[in-house]
Amino acid sequence: MLFFEGLDTVVSVYLNGKLILESQNMHISHRIDVTKALKPNDNVLELQFKNAPEFAKAEMKRIGYNGNNTDVHFGGPERLFVRKAQYHWGWDWGPSVGNTWST
């Protein structure tokens, strides 16, 4: 069993090249039976994280959110469309670094 206690938002998890988990929510844990995916030796666990702010912007666009003419501080309105800790958007303990995220 693999147990993950909150992966940072948008992630695909592979074991020996086989997709075993996709998650878009950092607030939940995952327990995965990997018995059939294990090799006798040299297992490779790969986590591919995606850019959460860009994912959130795409979700906002997909849903068709146009806002309600109010200012959403610290991260912009896209932060409402992804299950990521709100303090990661720069309002709590550190600065927001703007749109410097890379994909």
PDB file of N, CA and C in Angstrom:
ATOM      1  N   MET A   1       0.847  -1.182   0.000  1.00  0.00           N
ATOM      2  CA  MET A   1       0.000   0.000   0.000  1.00  0.00           C
ATOM      3  C   MET A   1       0.890   1.242   0.000  1.00  0.00           C
ATOM      4  N   LEU A   2       0.499   2.197  -0.815  1.00  0.00           N
ATOM      5  CA  LEU A   2       1.101   3.521  -0.751  1.00  0.00           C
ATOM      6  C   LEU A   2       0.072   4.442  -0.120  1.00  0.00           C
ATOM      7  N   PHE A   3       0.528   5.298   0.779  1.00  0.00           N
ATOM      8  CA  PHE A   3      -0.367   6.221   1.447  1.00  0.00           C
ATOM      9  C   PHE A   3       0.181   7.634   1.276  1.00  0.00           C
ATOM     10  N   PHE A   4      -0.618   8.509   0.709  1.00  0.00           N
ATOM     11  CA  PHE A   4      -0.238   9.905   0.526  1.00  0.00           C
ATOM     12  C   PHE A   4      -1.146  10.763   1.399  1.00  0.00           C
ATOM     13  N   GLU A   5      -0.547  11.604   2.211  1.00  0.00           N
ATOM     14  CA  GLU A   5      -1.313  12.507   3.070  1.00  0.00           C
ATOM     15  C   GLU A   5      -1.287  13.909   2.487  1.00  0.00           C
ATOM     16  N   GLY A   6      -1.994  14.110   1.402  1.00  0.00           N
ATOM     17  CA  GLY A   6      -2.087  15.425   0.796  1.00  0.00           C
ATOM     18  C   GLY A   6      -0.955  15.714  -0.172  1.00  0.00           C
ATOM     19  N   LEU A   7      -1.204  15.482  -1.440  1.00  0.00           N
ATOM     20  CA  LEU A   7      -0.264  15.836  -2.498  1.00  0.00           C
ATOM     21  C   LEU A   7      -0.628  17.225  -2.999  1.00  0.00           C
ATOM     22  N   ASP A   8       0.370  18.038  -3.278  1.00  0.00           N
ATOM     23  CA  ASP A   8       0.088  19.433  -3.604  1.00  0.00           C
ATOM     24  C   ASP A   8      -0.680  19.578  -4.916  1.00  0.00           C
ATOM     25  N   THR A   9      -1.972  19.445  -4.792  1.00  0.00           N
ATOM     26  CA  THR A   9      -2.995  19.826  -5.756  1.00  0.00           C
ATOM     27  C   THR A   9      -3.073  18.950  -6.994  1.00  0.00           C
ATOM     28  N   VAL A  10      -2.501  19.353  -8.108  1.00  0.00           N
ATOM     29  CA  VAL A  10      -2.711  18.670  -9.390  1.00  0.00           C
ATOM     30  C   VAL A  10      -1.511  17.770  -9.663  1.00  0.00           C
ATOM     31  N   VAL A  11      -1.742  16.459  -9.596  1.00  0.00           N
ATOM     32  CA  VAL A  11      -0.622  15.525  -9.704  1.00  0.00           C
ATOM     33  C   VAL A  11      -1.065  14.220 -10.358  1.00  0.00           C
ATOM     34  N   SER A  12      -0.140  13.632 -11.107  1.00  0.00           N
ATOM     35  CA  SER A  12      -0.295  12.277 -11.631  1.00  0.00           C
ATOM     36  C   SER A  12       0.823  11.442 -11.018  1.00  0.00           C
ATOM     37  N   VAL A  13       0.467  10.269 -10.493  1.00  0.00           N
ATOM     38  CA  VAL A  13       1.441   9.400  -9.827  1.00  0.00           C
ATOM     39  C   VAL A  13       1.576   8.112 -10.632  1.00  0.00           C
ATOM     40  N   TYR A  14       2.821   7.767 -10.935  1.00  0.00           N
ATOM     41  CA  TYR A  14       3.127   6.563 -11.703  1.00  0.00           C
ATOM     42  C   TYR A  14       4.016   5.649 -10.874  1.00  0.00           C
ATOM     43  N   LEU A  15       3.769   4.366 -10.973  1.00  0.00           N
ATOM     44  CA  LEU A  15       4.642   3.359 -10.390  1.00  0.00           C
ATOM     45  C   LEU A  15       5.060   2.428 -11.516  1.00  0.00           C
ATOM     46  N   ASN A  16       6.359   2.398 -11.766  1.00  0.00           N
ATOM     47  CA  ASN A  16       6.920   1.586 -12.850  1.00  0.00           C
ATOM     48  C   ASN A  16       6.242   1.873 -14.183  1.00  0.00           C
ATOM     49  N   GLY A  17       5.982   3.163 -14.440  1.00  0.00           N
ATOM     50  CA  GLY A  17       5.401   3.592 -15.699  1.00  0.00           C
ATOM     51  C   GLY A  17       3.890   3.451 -15.790  1.00  0.00           C
ATOM     52  N   LYS A  18       3.255   2.907 -14.769  1.00  0.00           N
ATOM     53  CA  LYS A  18       1.801   2.707 -14.771  1.00  0.00           C
ATOM     54  C   LYS A  18       1.140   3.795 -13.918  1.00  0.00           C
ATOM     55  N   LEU A  19       0.147   4.483 -14.502  1.00  0.00           N
ATOM     56  CA  LEU A  19      -0.586   5.506 -13.766  1.00  0.00           C
ATOM     57  C   LEU A  19      -1.384   4.846 -12.647  1.00  0.00           C
ATOM     58  N   ILE A  20      -1.113   5.260 -11.412  1.00  0.00           N
ATOM     59  CA  ILE A  20      -1.827   4.672 -10.268  1.00  0.00           C
ATOM     60  C   ILE A  20      -2.715   5.672  -9.551  1.00  0.00           C
ATOM     61  N   LEU A  21      -2.551   6.982  -9.854  1.00  0.00           N
ATOM     62  CA  LEU A  21      -3.356   7.994  -9.175  1.00  0.00           C
ATOM     63  C   LEU A  21      -3.300   9.296  -9.947  1.00  0.00           C
ATOM     64  N   GLU A  22      -4.448   9.958 -10.044  1.00  0.00           N
ATOM     65  CA  GLU A  22      -4.527  11.351 -10.477  1.00  0.00           C
ATOM     66  C   GLU A  22      -5.332  12.090  -9.420  1.00  0.00           C
ATOM     67  N   SER A  23      -4.837  13.245  -9.003  1.00  0.00           N
ATOM     68  CA  SER A  23      -5.519  14.003  -7.959  1.00  0.00           C
ATOM     69  C   SER A  23      -5.500  15.483  -8.295  1.00  0.00           C
ATOM     70  N   GLN A  24      -6.583  16.164  -7.911  1.00  0.00           N
ATOM     71  CA  GLN A  24      -6.691  17.609  -8.097  1.00  0.00           C
ATOM     72  C   GLN A  24      -7.119  18.271  -6.793  1.00  0.00           C
ATOM     73  N   ASN A  25      -6.770  17.644  -5.684  1.00  0.00           N
ATOM     74  CA  ASN A  25      -7.232  18.138  -4.388  1.00  0.00           C
ATOM     75  C   ASN A  25      -6.176  17.831  -3.331  1.00  0.00           C
ATOM     76  N   MET A  26      -5.524  18.851  -2.806  1.00  0.00           N
ATOM     77  CA  MET A  26      -4.463  18.612  -1.831  1.00  0.00           C
ATOM     78  C   MET A  26      -4.984  18.353  -0.422  1.00  0.00           C
ATOM     79  N   HIS A  27      -6.290  18.453  -0.224  1.00  0.00           N
ATOM     80  CA  HIS A  27      -6.853  18.325   1.113  1.00  0.00           C
ATOM     81  C   HIS A  27      -7.343  16.919   1.448  1.00  0.00           C
ATOM     82  N   ILE A  28      -7.083  15.972   0.596  1.00  0.00           N
ATOM     83  CA  ILE A  28      -7.506  14.599   0.873  1.00  0.00           C
ATOM     84  C   ILE A  28      -6.303  13.670   0.835  1.00  0.00           C
ATOM     85  N   SER A  29      -6.426  12.552   1.503  1.00  0.00           N
ATOM     86  CA  SER A  29      -5.359  11.549   1.470  1.00  0.00           C
ATOM     87  C   SER A  29      -5.753  10.441   0.493  1.00  0.00           C
ATOM     88  N   HIS A  30      -4.758   9.683   0.090  1.00  0.00           N
ATOM     89  CA  HIS A  30      -4.977   8.596  -0.859  1.00  0.00           C
ATOM     90  C   HIS A  30      -4.273   7.346  -0.350  1.00  0.00           C
ATOM     91  N   ARG A  31      -4.950   6.233  -0.448  1.00  0.00           N
ATOM     92  CA  ARG A  31      -4.375   4.932  -0.108  1.00  0.00           C
ATOM     93  C   ARG A  31      -4.531   4.063  -1.358  1.00  0.00           C
ATOM     94  N   ILE A  32      -3.408   3.550  -1.853  1.00  0.00           N
ATOM     95  CA  ILE A  32      -3.415   2.833  -3.122  1.00  0.00           C
ATOM     96  C   ILE A  32      -2.764   1.471  -2.946  1.00  0.00           C
ATOM     97  N   ASP A  33      -3.476   0.439  -3.346  1.00  0.00           N
ATOM     98  CA  ASP A  33      -2.918  -0.913  -3.361  1.00  0.00           C
ATOM     99  C   ASP A  33      -2.070  -1.042  -4.621  1.00  0.00           C
ATOM    100  N   VAL A  34      -0.774  -1.175  -4.449  1.00  0.00           N
ATOM    101  CA  VAL A  34       0.151  -1.238  -5.583  1.00  0.00           C
ATOM    102  C   VAL A  34       0.731  -2.640  -5.771  1.00  0.00           C
ATOM    103  N   THR A  35       0.125  -3.617  -5.150  1.00  0.00           N
ATOM    104  CA  THR A  35       0.647  -4.981  -5.194  1.00  0.00           C
ATOM    105  C   THR A  35       0.922  -5.442  -6.617  1.00  0.00           C
ATOM    106  N   LYS A  36      -0.023  -5.239  -7.523  1.00  0.00           N
ATOM    107  CA  LYS A  36       0.122  -5.725  -8.898  1.00  0.00           C
ATOM    108  C   LYS A  36       1.108  -4.912  -9.723  1.00  0.00           C
ATOM    109  N   ALA A  37       1.423  -3.706  -9.296  1.00  0.00           N
ATOM    110  CA  ALA A  37       2.336  -2.841 -10.041  1.00  0.00           C
ATOM    111  C   ALA A  37       3.786  -2.986  -9.595  1.00  0.00           C
ATOM    112  N   LEU A  38       4.026  -3.661  -8.463  1.00  0.00           N
ATOM    113  CA  LEU A  38       5.390  -3.791  -7.944  1.00  0.00           C
ATOM    114  C   LEU A  38       6.197  -4.816  -8.718  1.00  0.00           C
ATOM    115  N   LYS A  39       7.487  -4.515  -8.865  1.00  0.00           N
ATOM    116  CA  LYS A  39       8.454  -5.442  -9.442  1.00  0.00           C
ATOM    117  C   LYS A  39       9.275  -6.028  -8.291  1.00  0.00           C
ATOM    118  N   PRO A  40       9.928  -7.164  -8.508  1.00  0.00           N
ATOM    119  CA  PRO A  40      10.771  -7.731  -7.448  1.00  0.00           C
ATOM    120  C   PRO A  40      11.912  -6.795  -7.026  1.00  0.00           C
ATOM    121  N   ASN A  41      12.428  -6.023  -7.992  1.00  0.00           N
ATOM    122  CA  ASN A  41      13.541  -5.102  -7.720  1.00  0.00           C
ATOM    123  C   ASN A  41      13.351  -3.822  -8.528  1.00  0.00           C
ATOM    124  N   ASP A  42      14.040  -2.786  -8.122  1.00  0.00           N
ATOM    125  CA  ASP A  42      14.128  -1.540  -8.885  1.00  0.00           C
ATOM    126  C   ASP A  42      12.779  -0.942  -9.259  1.00  0.00           C
ATOM    127  N   ASN A  43      11.945  -0.669  -8.303  1.00  0.00           N
ATOM    128  CA  ASN A  43      10.679   0.010  -8.544  1.00  0.00           C
ATOM    129  C   ASN A  43      10.928   1.512  -8.662  1.00  0.00           C
ATOM    130  N   VAL A  44      10.163   2.153  -9.550  1.00  0.00           N
ATOM    131  CA  VAL A  44      10.304   3.591  -9.766  1.00  0.00           C
ATOM    132  C   VAL A  44       8.962   4.259  -9.492  1.00  0.00           C
ATOM    133  N   LEU A  45       8.953   5.187  -8.538  1.00  0.00           N
ATOM    134  CA  LEU A  45       7.774   5.970  -8.209  1.00  0.00           C
ATOM    135  C   LEU A  45       7.996   7.376  -8.757  1.00  0.00           C
ATOM    136  N   GLU A  46       7.077   7.840  -9.609  1.00  0.00           N
ATOM    137  CA  GLU A  46       7.215   9.150 -10.243  1.00  0.00           C
ATOM    138  C   GLU A  46       5.958   9.975  -9.979  1.00  0.00           C
ATOM    139  N   LEU A  47       6.164  11.190  -9.491  1.00  0.00           N
ATOM    140  CA  LEU A  47       5.059  12.123  -9.258  1.00  0.00           C
ATOM    141  C   LEU A  47       5.241  13.304 -10.195  1.00  0.00           C
ATOM    142  N   GLN A  48       4.250  13.525 -11.044  1.00  0.00           N
ATOM    143  CA  GLN A  48       4.305  14.631 -11.993  1.00  0.00           C
ATOM    144  C   GLN A  48       3.296  15.695 -11.553  1.00  0.00           C
ATOM    145  N   PHE A  49       3.818  16.785 -10.999  1.00  0.00           N
ATOM    146  CA  PHE A  49       2.972  17.881 -10.539  1.00  0.00           C
ATOM    147  C   PHE A  49       2.739  18.863 -11.679  1.00  0.00           C
ATOM    148  N   LYS A  50       1.535  19.354 -11.758  1.00  0.00           N
ATOM    149  CA  LYS A  50       1.183  20.350 -12.762  1.00  0.00           C
ATOM    150  C   LYS A  50       1.048  21.705 -12.085  1.00  0.00           C
ATOM    151  N   ASN A  51       1.106  22.740 -12.861  1.00  0.00           N
ATOM    152  CA  ASN A  51       1.028  24.103 -12.392  1.00  0.00           C
ATOM    153  C   ASN A  51      -0.392  24.387 -11.893  1.00  0.00           C
ATOM    154  N   ALA A  52      -0.568  24.478 -10.583  1.00  0.00           N
ATOM    155  CA  ALA A  52      -1.896  24.657  -9.991  1.00  0.00           C
ATOM    156  C   ALA A  52      -2.555  25.981 -10.382  1.00  0.00           C
ATOM    157  N   PRO A  53      -1.851  27.115 -10.377  1.00  0.00           N
ATOM    158  CA  PRO A  53      -2.512  28.353 -10.800  1.00  0.00           C
ATOM    159  C   PRO A  53      -2.985  28.306 -12.256  1.00  0.00           C
ATOM    160  N   GLU A  54      -2.189  27.717 -13.129  1.00  0.00           N
ATOM    161  CA  GLU A  54      -2.611  27.607 -14.530  1.00  0.00           C
ATOM    162  C   GLU A  54      -3.794  26.655 -14.668  1.00  0.00           C
ATOM    163  N   PHE A  55      -3.783  25.560 -13.916  1.00  0.00           N
ATOM    164  CA  PHE A  55      -4.919  24.635 -13.909  1.00  0.00           C
ATOM    165  C   PHE A  55      -6.179  25.367 -13.444  1.00  0.00           C
ATOM    166  N   ALA A  56      -6.052  26.157 -12.389  1.00  0.00           N
ATOM    167  CA  ALA A  56      -7.196  26.889 -11.845  1.00  0.00           C
ATOM    168  C   ALA A  56      -7.723  27.907 -12.852  1.00  0.00           C
ATOM    169  N   LYS A  57      -6.832  28.583 -13.562  1.00  0.00           N
ATOM    170  CA  LYS A  57      -7.267  29.541 -14.582  1.00  0.00           C
ATOM    171  C   LYS A  57      -8.024  28.829 -15.702  1.00  0.00           C
ATOM    172  N   ALA A  58      -7.538  27.655 -16.100  1.00  0.00           N
ATOM    173  CA  ALA A  58      -8.227  26.882 -17.136  1.00  0.00           C
ATOM    174  C   ALA A  58      -9.603  26.427 -16.654  1.00  0.00           C
ATOM    175  N   GLU A  59      -9.709  26.032 -15.387  1.00  0.00           N
ATOM    176  CA  GLU A  59     -10.997  25.628 -14.821  1.00  0.00           C
ATOM    177  C   GLU A  59     -11.961  26.816 -14.779  1.00  0.00           C
ATOM    178  N   MET A  60     -11.441  27.965 -14.402  1.00  0.00           N
ATOM    179  CA  MET A  60     -12.261  29.167 -14.343  1.00  0.00           C
ATOM    180  C   MET A  60     -12.817  29.486 -15.735  1.00  0.00           C
ATOM    181  N   LYS A  61     -11.970  29.371 -16.736  1.00  0.00           N
ATOM    182  CA  LYS A  61     -12.388  29.625 -18.116  1.00  0.00           C
ATOM    183  C   LYS A  61     -13.373  28.555 -18.593  1.00  0.00           C
ATOM    184  N   ARG A  62     -13.088  27.280 -18.283  1.00  0.00           N
ATOM    185  CA  ARG A  62     -13.953  26.182 -18.696  1.00  0.00           C
ATOM    186  C   ARG A  62     -15.367  26.345 -18.138  1.00  0.00           C
ATOM    187  N   ILE A  63     -15.448  26.759 -16.885  1.00  0.00           N
ATOM    188  CA  ILE A  63     -16.731  26.934 -16.223  1.00  0.00           C
ATOM    189  C   ILE A  63     -17.450  28.183 -16.748  1.00  0.00           C
ATOM    190  N   GLY A  64     -16.690  29.148 -17.239  1.00  0.00           N
ATOM    191  CA  GLY A  64     -17.276  30.372 -17.747  1.00  0.00           C
ATOM    192  C   GLY A  64     -17.469  31.443 -16.697  1.00  0.00           C
ATOM    193  N   TYR A  65     -16.659  31.392 -15.641  1.00  0.00           N
ATOM    194  CA  TYR A  65     -16.768  32.373 -14.557  1.00  0.00           C
ATOM    195  C   TYR A  65     -16.350  33.748 -15.057  1.00  0.00           C
ATOM    196  N   ASN A  66     -17.211  34.715 -14.858  1.00  0.00           N
ATOM    197  CA  ASN A  66     -16.929  36.088 -15.273  1.00  0.00           C
ATOM    198  C   ASN A  66     -16.765  37.026 -14.093  1.00  0.00           C
ATOM    199  N   GLY A  67     -16.892  36.522 -12.894  1.00  0.00           N
ATOM    200  CA  GLY A  67     -16.743  37.352 -11.711  1.00  0.00           C
ATOM    201  C   GLY A  67     -18.022  38.094 -11.380  1.00  0.00           C
ATOM    202  N   ASN A  68     -17.966  38.814 -10.295  1.00  0.00           N
ATOM    203  CA  ASN A  68     -19.127  39.608  -9.869  1.00  0.00           C
ATOM    204  C   ASN A  68     -18.726  41.043  -9.555  1.00  0.00           C
ATOM    205  N   ASN A  69     -17.687  41.510 -10.250  1.00  0.00           N
ATOM    206  CA  ASN A  69     -17.193  42.881 -10.116  1.00  0.00           C
ATOM    207  C   ASN A  69     -16.667  43.204  -8.731  1.00  0.00           C
ATOM    208  N   THR A  70     -16.223  42.189  -7.995  1.00  0.00           N
ATOM    209  CA  THR A  70     -15.562  42.445  -6.719  1.00  0.00           C
ATOM    210  C   THR A  70     -14.109  42.029  -6.863  1.00  0.00           C
ATOM    211  N   ASP A  71     -13.266  42.647  -6.097  1.00  0.00           N
ATOM    212  CA  ASP A  71     -11.838  42.376  -6.143  1.00  0.00           C
ATOM    213  C   ASP A  71     -11.520  41.185  -5.247  1.00  0.00           C
ATOM    214  N   VAL A  72     -10.897  40.162  -5.792  1.00  0.00           N
ATOM    215  CA  VAL A  72     -10.447  39.015  -4.998  1.00  0.00           C
ATOM    216  C   VAL A  72      -8.955  39.199  -4.766  1.00  0.00           C
ATOM    217  N   HIS A  73      -8.584  39.462  -3.541  1.00  0.00           N
ATOM    218  CA  HIS A  73      -7.184  39.715  -3.216  1.00  0.00           C
ATOM    219  C   HIS A  73      -6.394  38.414  -3.099  1.00  0.00           C
ATOM    220  N   PHE A  74      -5.106  38.547  -3.242  1.00  0.00           N
ATOM    221  CA  PHE A  74      -4.180  37.459  -2.953  1.00  0.00           C
ATOM    222  C   PHE A  74      -4.418  36.236  -3.826  1.00  0.00           C
ATOM    223  N   GLY A  75      -3.998  36.320  -5.059  1.00  0.00           N
ATOM    224  CA  GLY A  75      -4.061  35.169  -5.934  1.00  0.00           C
ATOM    225  C   GLY A  75      -5.037  35.291  -7.070  1.00  0.00           C
ATOM    226  N   GLY A  76      -5.921  36.244  -7.023  1.00  0.00           N
ATOM    227  CA  GLY A  76      -6.881  36.410  -8.096  1.00  0.00           C
ATOM    228  C   GLY A  76      -8.022  35.419  -7.995  1.00  0.00           C
ATOM    229  N   PRO A  77      -9.034  35.600  -8.835  1.00  0.00           N
ATOM    230  CA  PRO A  77     -10.220  34.752  -8.747  1.00  0.00           C
ATOM    231  C   PRO A  77      -9.961  33.290  -9.077  1.00  0.00           C
ATOM    232  N   GLU A  78      -8.878  32.996  -9.792  1.00  0.00           N
ATOM    233  CA  GLU A  78      -8.605  31.593 -10.148  1.00  0.00           C
ATOM    234  C   GLU A  78      -8.403  30.712  -8.922  1.00  0.00           C
ATOM    235  N   ARG A  79      -7.986  31.286  -7.816  1.00  0.00           N
ATOM    236  CA  ARG A  79      -7.736  30.473  -6.616  1.00  0.00           C
ATOM    237  C   ARG A  79      -9.003  29.822  -6.082  1.00  0.00           C
ATOM    238  N   LEU A  80     -10.163  30.311  -6.512  1.00  0.00           N
ATOM    239  CA  LEU A  80     -11.434  29.743  -6.077  1.00  0.00           C
ATOM    240  C   LEU A  80     -11.760  28.426  -6.784  1.00  0.00           C
ATOM    241  N   PHE A  81     -11.007  28.077  -7.821  1.00  0.00           N
ATOM    242  CA  PHE A  81     -11.344  26.942  -8.671  1.00  0.00           C
ATOM    243  C   PHE A  81     -10.389  25.763  -8.545  1.00  0.00           C
ATOM    244  N   VAL A  82      -9.640  25.745  -7.473  1.00  0.00           N
ATOM    245  CA  VAL A  82      -8.728  24.625  -7.245  1.00  0.00           C
ATOM    246  C   VAL A  82      -8.659  24.361  -5.743  1.00  0.00           C
ATOM    247  N   ARG A  83      -8.590  23.073  -5.383  1.00  0.00           N
ATOM    248  CA  ARG A  83      -8.548  22.675  -3.966  1.00  0.00           C
ATOM    249  C   ARG A  83      -7.098  22.688  -3.490  1.00  0.00           C
ATOM    250  N   LYS A  84      -6.616  23.882  -3.216  1.00  0.00           N
ATOM    251  CA  LYS A  84      -5.244  24.115  -2.779  1.00  0.00           C
ATOM    252  C   LYS A  84      -5.309  25.004  -1.542  1.00  0.00           C
ATOM    253  N   ALA A  85      -4.392  24.805  -0.619  1.00  0.00           N
ATOM    254  CA  ALA A  85      -4.369  25.628   0.591  1.00  0.00           C
ATOM    255  C   ALA A  85      -4.336  27.107   0.216  1.00  0.00           C
ATOM    256  N   GLN A  86      -5.225  27.872   0.813  1.00  0.00           N
ATOM    257  CA  GLN A  86      -5.335  29.288   0.456  1.00  0.00           C
ATOM    258  C   GLN A  86      -4.073  30.080   0.807  1.00  0.00           C
ATOM    259  N   TYR A  87      -3.343  29.661   1.820  1.00  0.00           N
ATOM    260  CA  TYR A  87      -2.123  30.399   2.159  1.00  0.00           C
ATOM    261  C   TYR A  87      -1.037  30.225   1.095  1.00  0.00           C
ATOM    262  N   HIS A  88      -1.181  29.277   0.190  1.00  0.00           N
ATOM    263  CA  HIS A  88      -0.224  29.132  -0.904  1.00  0.00           C
ATOM    264  C   HIS A  88      -0.330  30.261  -1.924  1.00  0.00           C
ATOM    265  N   TRP A  89      -1.391  31.049  -1.830  1.00  0.00           N
ATOM    266  CA  TRP A  89      -1.586  32.149  -2.771  1.00  0.00           C
ATOM    267  C   TRP A  89      -0.940  33.439  -2.273  1.00  0.00           C
ATOM    268  N   GLY A  90      -0.263  33.410  -1.137  1.00  0.00           N
ATOM    269  CA  GLY A  90       0.529  34.553  -0.690  1.00  0.00           C
ATOM    270  C   GLY A  90      -0.123  35.474   0.312  1.00  0.00           C
ATOM    271  N   TRP A  91      -1.256  35.135   0.867  1.00  0.00           N
ATOM    272  CA  TRP A  91      -1.913  36.070   1.780  1.00  0.00           C
ATOM    273  C   TRP A  91      -1.575  35.856   3.237  1.00  0.00           C
ATOM    274  N   ASP A  92      -0.950  34.770   3.587  1.00  0.00           N
ATOM    275  CA  ASP A  92      -0.779  34.436   4.995  1.00  0.00           C
ATOM    276  C   ASP A  92       0.632  34.725   5.489  1.00  0.00           C
ATOM    277  N   TRP A  93       1.581  33.972   5.044  1.00  0.00           N
ATOM    278  CA  TRP A  93       2.915  34.059   5.613  1.00  0.00           C
ATOM    279  C   TRP A  93       3.975  34.528   4.629  1.00  0.00           C
ATOM    280  N   GLY A  94       3.638  34.633   3.360  1.00  0.00           N
ATOM    281  CA  GLY A  94       4.650  35.029   2.390  1.00  0.00           C
ATOM    282  C   GLY A  94       4.027  35.776   1.235  1.00  0.00           C
ATOM    283  N   PRO A  95       4.874  36.382   0.432  1.00  0.00           N
ATOM    284  CA  PRO A  95       4.379  37.182  -0.688  1.00  0.00           C
ATOM    285  C   PRO A  95       3.873  36.305  -1.834  1.00  0.00           C
ATOM    286  N   SER A  96       2.957  36.862  -2.596  1.00  0.00           N
ATOM    287  CA  SER A  96       2.545  36.236  -3.846  1.00  0.00           C
ATOM    288  C   SER A  96       3.584  36.625  -4.887  1.00  0.00           C
ATOM    289  N   VAL A  97       4.025  35.669  -5.668  1.00  0.00           N
ATOM    290  CA  VAL A  97       5.049  35.961  -6.643  1.00  0.00           C
ATOM    291  C   VAL A  97       4.462  36.261  -8.018  1.00  0.00           C
ATOM    292  N   GLY A  98       3.179  36.477  -8.066  1.00  0.00           N
ATOM    293  CA  GLY A  98       2.536  36.866  -9.319  1.00  0.00           C
ATOM    294  C   GLY A  98       2.465  35.734 -10.318  1.00  0.00           C
ATOM    295  N   ASN A  99       2.563  36.057 -11.560  1.00  0.00           N
ATOM    296  CA  ASN A  99       2.437  35.077 -12.644  1.00  0.00           C
ATOM    297  C   ASN A  99       3.787  34.560 -13.093  1.00  0.00           C
ATOM    298  N   THR A 100       4.626  34.188 -12.167  1.00  0.00           N
ATOM    299  CA  THR A 100       5.945  33.667 -12.522  1.00  0.00           C
ATOM    300  C   THR A 100       5.966  32.146 -12.526  1.00  0.00           C
ATOM    301  N   TRP A 101       4.791  31.514 -12.455  1.00  0.00           N
ATOM    302  CA  TRP A 101       4.714  30.052 -12.436  1.00  0.00           C
ATOM    303  C   TRP A 101       5.069  29.514 -13.803  1.00  0.00           C
ATOM    304  N   SER A 102       5.771  28.419 -13.857  1.00  0.00           N
ATOM    305  CA  SER A 102       6.067  27.786 -15.142  1.00  0.00           C
ATOM    306  C   SER A 102       5.315  26.461 -15.213  1.00  0.00           C
ATOM    307  N   THR A 103       5.078  26.024 -16.427  1.00  0.00           N
ATOM    308  CA  THR A 103       4.354  24.755 -16.607  1.00  0.00           C
ATOM    309  C   THR A 103       5.300  23.639 -16.922  1.00  0.00           C
TER     310      THR A 103
END
